[in-house]
C-alpha atoms as a PDB file:
ATOM      1  CA  MET A   1     154.660  60.539  89.625  1.00  0.00           C
ATOM      2  CA  PRO A   2     154.885  63.058  86.785  1.00  0.00           C
ATOM      3  CA  SER A   3     156.363  66.411  87.692  1.00  0.00           C
ATOM      4  CA  VAL A   4     154.287  69.564  87.437  1.00  0.00           C
ATOM      5  CA  SER A   5     156.029  72.516  85.844  1.00  0.00           C
ATOM      6  CA  SER A   6     155.527  76.015  87.114  1.00  0.00           C
ATOM      7  CA  PRO A   7     155.858  79.158  84.978  1.00  0.00           C
ATOM      8  CA  LEU A   8     158.081  80.603  87.688  1.00  0.00           C
ATOM      9  CA  PRO A   9     161.182  78.813  88.986  1.00  0.00           C
ATOM     10  CA  HIS A  10     161.121  77.945  92.699  1.00  0.00           C
ATOM     11  CA  ARG A  11     163.588  80.069  94.618  1.00  0.00           C
ATOM     12  CA  GLY A  12     162.600  79.785  98.244  1.00  0.00           C
ATOM     13  CA  ARG A  13     164.869  79.562 101.266  1.00  0.00           C
ATOM     14  CA  GLY A  14     166.861  76.405 101.413  1.00  0.00           C
ATOM     15  CA  ALA A  15     166.407  75.791  97.659  1.00  0.00           C
ATOM     16  CA  GLY A  16     169.349  77.877  96.535  1.00  0.00           C
ATOM     17  CA  GLY A  17     167.295  80.980  95.705  1.00  0.00           C
ATOM     18  CA  GLU A  18     167.518  84.528  96.938  1.00  0.00           C
ATOM     19  CA  GLY A  19     164.001  84.612  98.462  1.00  0.00           C
ATOM     20  CA  ILE A  20     161.212  87.072  97.680  1.00  0.00           C
ATOM     21  CA  GLU A  21     163.491  89.478  95.790  1.00  0.00           C
ATOM     22  CA  ALA A  22     164.184  86.827  93.136  1.00  0.00           C
ATOM     23  CA  LEU A  23     160.532  85.952  92.845  1.00  0.00           C
ATOM     24  CA  LEU A  24     159.588  89.641  92.354  1.00  0.00           C
ATOM     25  CA  ALA A  25     162.346  89.935  89.698  1.00  0.00           C
ATOM     26  CA  ASP A  26     160.875  86.948  87.855  1.00  0.00           C
ATOM     27  CA  LEU A  27     157.382  88.538  87.962  1.00  0.00           C
ATOM     28  CA  SER A  28     158.719  91.730  86.389  1.00  0.00           C
ATOM     29  CA  GLN A  29     159.006  89.948  83.024  1.00  0.00           C
ATOM     30  CA  PHE A  30     155.188  89.822  82.688  1.00  0.00           C
ATOM     31  CA  GLU A  31     153.279  92.712  81.088  1.00  0.00           C
ATOM     32  CA  PRO A  32     150.472  94.176  83.202  1.00  0.00           C
ATOM     33  CA  LEU A  33     146.977  93.701  81.802  1.00  0.00           C
ATOM     34  CA  ALA A  34     145.475  96.807  80.266  1.00  0.00           C
ATOM     35  CA  LEU A  35     141.952  96.977  81.633  1.00  0.00           C
ATOM     36  CA  SER A  36     139.518  99.785  80.957  1.00  0.00           C
ATOM     37  CA  PRO A  37     136.235 100.054  82.854  1.00  0.00           C
ATOM     38  CA  ALA A  38     133.033  99.669  80.943  1.00  0.00           C
ATOM     39  CA  PRO A  39     130.863 102.804  80.876  1.00  0.00           C
ATOM     40  CA  LEU A  40     128.156 102.864  83.507  1.00  0.00           C
ATOM     41  CA  PRO A  41     124.546 103.026  82.331  1.00  0.00           C
ATOM     42  CA  GLN A  42     122.839 106.347  82.923  1.00  0.00           C
ATOM     43  CA  VAL A  43     119.869 105.623  85.219  1.00  0.00           C
ATOM     44  CA  GLY A  44     116.773 107.601  84.408  1.00  0.00           C
ATOM     45  CA  GLU A  45     117.805 108.441  80.851  1.00  0.00           C
ATOM     46  CA  GLY A  46     117.136 106.862  77.509  1.00  0.00           C
ATOM     47  CA  SER A  47     115.305 103.608  77.008  1.00  0.00           C
ATOM     48  CA  LYS A  48     115.894  99.889  77.385  1.00  0.00           C
ATOM     49  CA  PRO A  49     116.155  97.569  74.366  1.00  0.00           C
ATOM     50  CA  ASN A  50     112.473  96.620  74.727  1.00  0.00           C
ATOM     51  CA  GLY A  51     111.451 100.270  74.256  1.00  0.00           C
ATOM     52  CA  ILE A  52     110.420 100.872  77.873  1.00  0.00           C
ATOM     53  CA  THR A  53     111.822 104.192  79.168  1.00  0.00           C
ATOM     54  CA  ASN A  54     113.745 104.595  82.452  1.00  0.00           C
ATOM     55  CA  ASN A  55     111.937 107.744  83.485  1.00  0.00           C
ATOM     56  CA  MET A  56     110.678 107.475  87.024  1.00  0.00           C
ATOM     57  CA  THR A  57     106.971 108.233  87.304  1.00  0.00           C
ATOM     58  CA  LYS A  58     105.391 109.386  90.553  1.00  0.00           C
ATOM     59  CA  LEU A  59     102.328 107.701  91.979  1.00  0.00           C
ATOM     60  CA  ARG A  60     100.069 108.839  94.808  1.00  0.00           C
ATOM     61  CA  ILE A  61      99.109 106.135  97.307  1.00  0.00           C
ATOM     62  CA  THR A  62      96.144 107.056  99.417  1.00  0.00           C
ATOM     63  CA  THR A  63      94.695 105.327 102.486  1.00  0.00           C
ATOM     64  CA  PRO A  64      91.873 106.712 104.720  1.00  0.00           C
ATOM     65  CA  THR A  65      94.486 108.288 107.059  1.00  0.00           C
ATOM     66  CA  HIS A  66      97.650 108.875 105.004  1.00  0.00           C
ATOM     67  CA  THR A  67      98.871 109.898 101.567  1.00  0.00           C
ATOM     68  CA  PHE A  68     102.252 108.793 100.146  1.00  0.00           C
ATOM     69  CA  ILE A  69     104.164 109.584  96.994  1.00  0.00           C
ATOM     70  CA  ALA A  70     106.093 106.735  95.376  1.00  0.00           C
ATOM     71  CA  GLU A  71     108.470 106.680  92.412  1.00  0.00           C
ATOM     72  CA  THR A  72     108.632 103.806  89.920  1.00  0.00           C
ATOM     73  CA  HIS A  73     111.912 101.863  89.935  1.00  0.00           C
ATOM     74  CA  PRO A  74     113.967 101.973  86.705  1.00  0.00           C
ATOM     75  CA  ASP A  75     115.218  98.374  87.192  1.00  0.00           C
ATOM     76  CA  ALA A  76     111.669  96.908  87.002  1.00  0.00           C
ATOM     77  CA  PRO A  77     110.394  98.334  83.688  1.00  0.00           C
ATOM     78  CA  GLU A  78     108.095  95.441  82.763  1.00  0.00           C
ATOM     79  CA  THR A  79     106.408  95.373  86.170  1.00  0.00           C
ATOM     80  CA  VAL A  80     106.030  99.145  86.185  1.00  0.00           C
ATOM     81  CA  ALA A  81     104.513  99.183  82.656  1.00  0.00           C
ATOM     82  CA  ALA A  82     102.064  96.426  83.484  1.00  0.00           C
ATOM     83  CA  PHE A  83     101.036  97.989  86.824  1.00  0.00           C
ATOM     84  CA  MET A  84     100.547 101.445  85.212  1.00  0.00           C
ATOM     85  CA  LYS A  85      97.866  99.902  82.968  1.00  0.00           C
ATOM     86  CA  LEU A  86      95.806  99.080  86.123  1.00  0.00           C
ATOM     87  CA  LEU A  87      95.695 102.698  87.419  1.00  0.00           C
ATOM     88  CA  PRO A  88      93.798 103.931  89.249  1.00  0.00           C
ATOM     89  CA  TYR A  89      94.148 100.719  91.275  1.00  0.00           C
ATOM     90  CA  ARG A  90      91.882 100.195  94.314  1.00  0.00           C
ATOM     91  CA  GLN A  91      92.432  97.434  96.833  1.00  0.00           C
ATOM     92  CA  LYS A  92      92.577  96.555 100.552  1.00  0.00           C
ATOM     93  CA  LEU A  93      95.783  96.464 102.592  1.00  0.00           C
ATOM     94  CA  ILE A  94      96.033  93.802 105.250  1.00  0.00           C
ATOM     95  CA  HIS A  95      98.881  92.953 107.592  1.00  0.00           C
ATOM     96  CA  VAL A  96     101.403  90.362 106.481  1.00  0.00           C
ATOM     97  CA  ARG A  97     101.390  86.939 108.192  1.00  0.00           C
ATOM     98  CA  TRP A  98     104.923  85.665 107.631  1.00  0.00           C
ATOM     99  CA  SER A  99     107.063  88.627 106.565  1.00  0.00           C
ATOM    100  CA  GLY A 100     107.417  90.879 109.637  1.00  0.00           C
ATOM    101  CA  GLU A 101     106.538  94.556 109.509  1.00  0.00           C
ATOM    102  CA  GLY A 102     104.650  94.903 106.258  1.00  0.00           C
ATOM    103  CA  CYS A 103     101.253  95.209 104.684  1.00  0.00           C
ATOM    104  CA  TRP A 104     100.154  93.252 101.671  1.00  0.00           C
ATOM    105  CA  ILE A 105      97.500  92.985  99.013  1.00  0.00           C
ATOM    106  CA  PRO A 106      96.718  89.293  98.341  1.00  0.00           C
ATOM    107  CA  LEU A 107      95.858  88.836  94.656  1.00  0.00           C
ATOM    108  CA  GLY A 108      95.172  85.063  94.437  1.00  0.00           C
ATOM    109  CA  GLU A 109      95.586  83.759  90.924  1.00  0.00           C
ATOM    110  CA  PHE A 110      95.755  87.242  89.304  1.00  0.00           C
ATOM    111  CA  LYS A 111      98.496  87.435  86.647  1.00  0.00           C
ATOM    112  CA  LEU A 112     100.170  90.748  85.799  1.00  0.00           C
ATOM    113  CA  GLY A 113     101.988  89.055  82.926  1.00  0.00           C
ATOM    114  CA  VAL A 114     105.531  89.685  84.145  1.00  0.00           C
ATOM    115  CA  GLY A 115     108.317  87.493  85.429  1.00  0.00           C
ATOM    116  CA  PHE A 116     110.995  88.292  87.966  1.00  0.00           C
ATOM    117  CA  GLU A 117     113.050  91.470  87.655  1.00  0.00           C
ATOM    118  CA  ASN A 118     114.848  93.535  90.298  1.00  0.00           C
ATOM    119  CA  HIS A 119     113.596  91.021  92.855  1.00  0.00           C
ATOM    120  CA  THR A 120     114.488  90.922  96.527  1.00  0.00           C
ATOM    121  CA  SER A 121     113.425  89.166  99.726  1.00  0.00           C
ATOM    122  CA  HIS A 122     114.518  92.058 101.979  1.00  0.00           C
ATOM    123  CA  PRO A 123     112.665  95.236 101.097  1.00  0.00           C
ATOM    124  CA  SER A 124     113.694  98.434 102.874  1.00  0.00           C
ATOM    125  CA  VAL A 125     111.151 100.684 104.580  1.00  0.00           C
ATOM    126  CA  GLY A 126     108.996 102.192 101.814  1.00  0.00           C
ATOM    127  CA  ASP A 127     109.792  99.571  99.174  1.00  0.00           C
ATOM    128  CA  ILE A 128     106.823  98.034  97.393  1.00  0.00           C
ATOM    129  CA  LEU A 129     107.249  94.598  95.805  1.00  0.00           C
ATOM    130  CA  PHE A 130     105.101  92.655  93.349  1.00  0.00           C
ATOM    131  CA  TYR A 131     105.264  88.876  93.576  1.00  0.00           C
ATOM    132  CA  PRO A 132     104.217  87.312  90.252  1.00  0.00           C
ATOM    133  CA  GLY A 133     103.162  84.033  91.852  1.00  0.00           C
ATOM    134  CA  GLY A 134     104.633  80.554  91.823  1.00  0.00           C
ATOM    135  CA  TYR A 135     105.223  79.101  95.321  1.00  0.00           C
ATOM    136  CA  SER A 136     102.568  81.349  96.832  1.00  0.00           C
ATOM    137  CA  GLU A 137      99.726  83.458  95.547  1.00  0.00           C
ATOM    138  CA  THR A 138     100.294  86.638  93.576  1.00  0.00           C
ATOM    139  CA  GLU A 139     100.638  89.649  95.866  1.00  0.00           C
ATOM    140  CA  ILE A 140     101.938  93.167  96.511  1.00  0.00           C
ATOM    141  CA  ILE A 141     103.839  93.843  99.729  1.00  0.00           C
ATOM    142  CA  LEU A 142     104.742  97.219 101.336  1.00  0.00           C
ATOM    143  CA  ALA A 143     107.455  97.209 104.006  1.00  0.00           C
ATOM    144  CA  TYR A 144     106.907  99.650 106.859  1.00  0.00           C
ATOM    145  CA  GLY A 145     109.681  98.231 109.082  1.00  0.00           C
ATOM    146  CA  SER A 146     111.898  95.162 109.334  1.00  0.00           C
ATOM    147  CA  CYS A 147     110.699  92.771 106.653  1.00  0.00           C
ATOM    148  CA  CYS A 148     111.798  89.479 105.119  1.00  0.00           C
ATOM    149  CA  PHE A 149     109.310  88.533 102.371  1.00  0.00           C
ATOM    150  CA  ALA A 150     107.997  85.017 102.991  1.00  0.00           C
ATOM    151  CA  SER A 151     104.969  82.752 102.895  1.00  0.00           C
ATOM    152  CA  LYS A 152     104.113  79.520 104.705  1.00  0.00           C
ATOM    153  CA  MET A 153     106.152  77.768 101.940  1.00  0.00           C
ATOM    154  CA  GLY A 154     109.279  79.777 102.925  1.00  0.00           C
ATOM    155  CA  GLN A 155     111.178  82.838 101.775  1.00  0.00           C
ATOM    156  CA  LEU A 156     110.029  84.565  98.591  1.00  0.00           C
ATOM    157  CA  ALA A 157     111.403  87.323  96.368  1.00  0.00           C
ATOM    158  CA  GLY A 158     109.298  90.048  94.775  1.00  0.00           C
ATOM    159  CA  ASN A 159     109.922  92.659  92.077  1.00  0.00           C
ATOM    160  CA  HIS A 160     110.879  95.966  93.683  1.00  0.00           C
ATOM    161  CA  PHE A 161     108.901  98.325  91.399  1.00  0.00           C
ATOM    162  CA  LEU A 162     107.912 101.264  93.635  1.00  0.00           C
ATOM    163  CA  THR A 163     109.653 103.220  96.383  1.00  0.00           C
ATOM    164  CA  ILE A 164     107.835 105.638  98.697  1.00  0.00           C
ATOM    165  CA  VAL A 165     109.679 108.974  98.614  1.00  0.00           C
ATOM    166  CA  GLU A 166     107.238 111.223 100.458  1.00  0.00           C
ATOM    167  CA  GLY A 167     105.369 110.423 103.646  1.00  0.00           C
ATOM    168  CA  LYS A 168     107.691 107.591 104.620  1.00  0.00           C
ATOM    169  CA  GLU A 169     107.640 108.872 108.240  1.00  0.00           C
ATOM    170  CA  ASN A 170     103.929 107.806 108.361  1.00  0.00           C
ATOM    171  CA  LEU A 171     104.444 104.196 107.241  1.00  0.00           C
ATOM    172  CA  ARG A 172     104.782 102.809 110.772  1.00  0.00           C
ATOM    173  CA  ALA A 173     101.511 104.514 111.789  1.00  0.00           C
ATOM    174  CA  LEU A 174      99.780 102.973 108.750  1.00  0.00           C
ATOM    175  CA  GLY A 175     101.239  99.512 109.499  1.00  0.00           C
ATOM    176  CA  THR A 176     100.163  99.702 113.156  1.00  0.00           C
ATOM    177  CA  LYS A 177      96.660 100.777 112.107  1.00  0.00           C
ATOM    178  CA  VAL A 178      96.365  97.834 109.681  1.00  0.00           C
ATOM    179  CA  LEU A 179      97.687  95.476 112.368  1.00  0.00           C
ATOM    180  CA  TRP A 180      95.299  96.541 115.124  1.00  0.00           C
ATOM    181  CA  GLU A 181      92.267  97.811 113.190  1.00  0.00           C
ATOM    182  CA  GLY A 182      92.254  95.494 110.181  1.00  0.00           C
ATOM    183  CA  ALA A 183      92.082  95.938 106.386  1.00  0.00           C
ATOM    184  CA  GLN A 184      92.363  99.498 105.060  1.00  0.00           C
ATOM    185  CA  ASP A 185      91.364 100.837 101.636  1.00  0.00           C
ATOM    186  CA  VAL A 186      94.256 101.881  99.386  1.00  0.00           C
ATOM    187  CA  VAL A 187      94.301 103.622  96.011  1.00  0.00           C
ATOM    188  CA  PHE A 188      97.269 103.845  93.638  1.00  0.00           C
ATOM    189  CA  GLU A 189      97.047 106.591  91.008  1.00  0.00           C
ATOM    190  CA  LEU A 190      99.249 108.918  88.990  1.00  0.00           C
ATOM    191  CA  ALA A 191     100.457 111.903  91.033  1.00  0.00           C
ATOM    192  CA  GLU A 192      99.515 115.267  89.459  1.00  0.00           C
END
């Protein structure tokens, strides 16, 4: 069998070496790597290479019983830009079937013209996701409690493009209303 050479000589107990002290002395001959951290991007400032700005826009989301304010998410610029073109956007919220505590807007074969970005299967309370289609129909989902985004085909991931920042304490009441009373009107529009 050919022998394998090691960059450090073996000096363990019983092999004629002095133990760990000798090993550490051998390591001292190597220069430490000079690493400098890369600068962190400044969220909310400037623009992305595709010209879409990172400024977070506020939207008003209105149902018959509640009003919420949501901010656009800077990590989903294409989804945000495409959705903004639809405003004011009127639909119906219904309760999810497979995802837990959430409401959704089924969109069938509708195409927003975006792919996946900033996608997740586990939205937090107040997160709003857009699923561009594929394994299941196109849809928007709003988490009001514990939620794992899924369809009858299995787990899905949607683009997290909006986050509710005002009125979040009323999300459970909205979700319960949708669950027990059925579909509710919803309007998305720019906040003044």
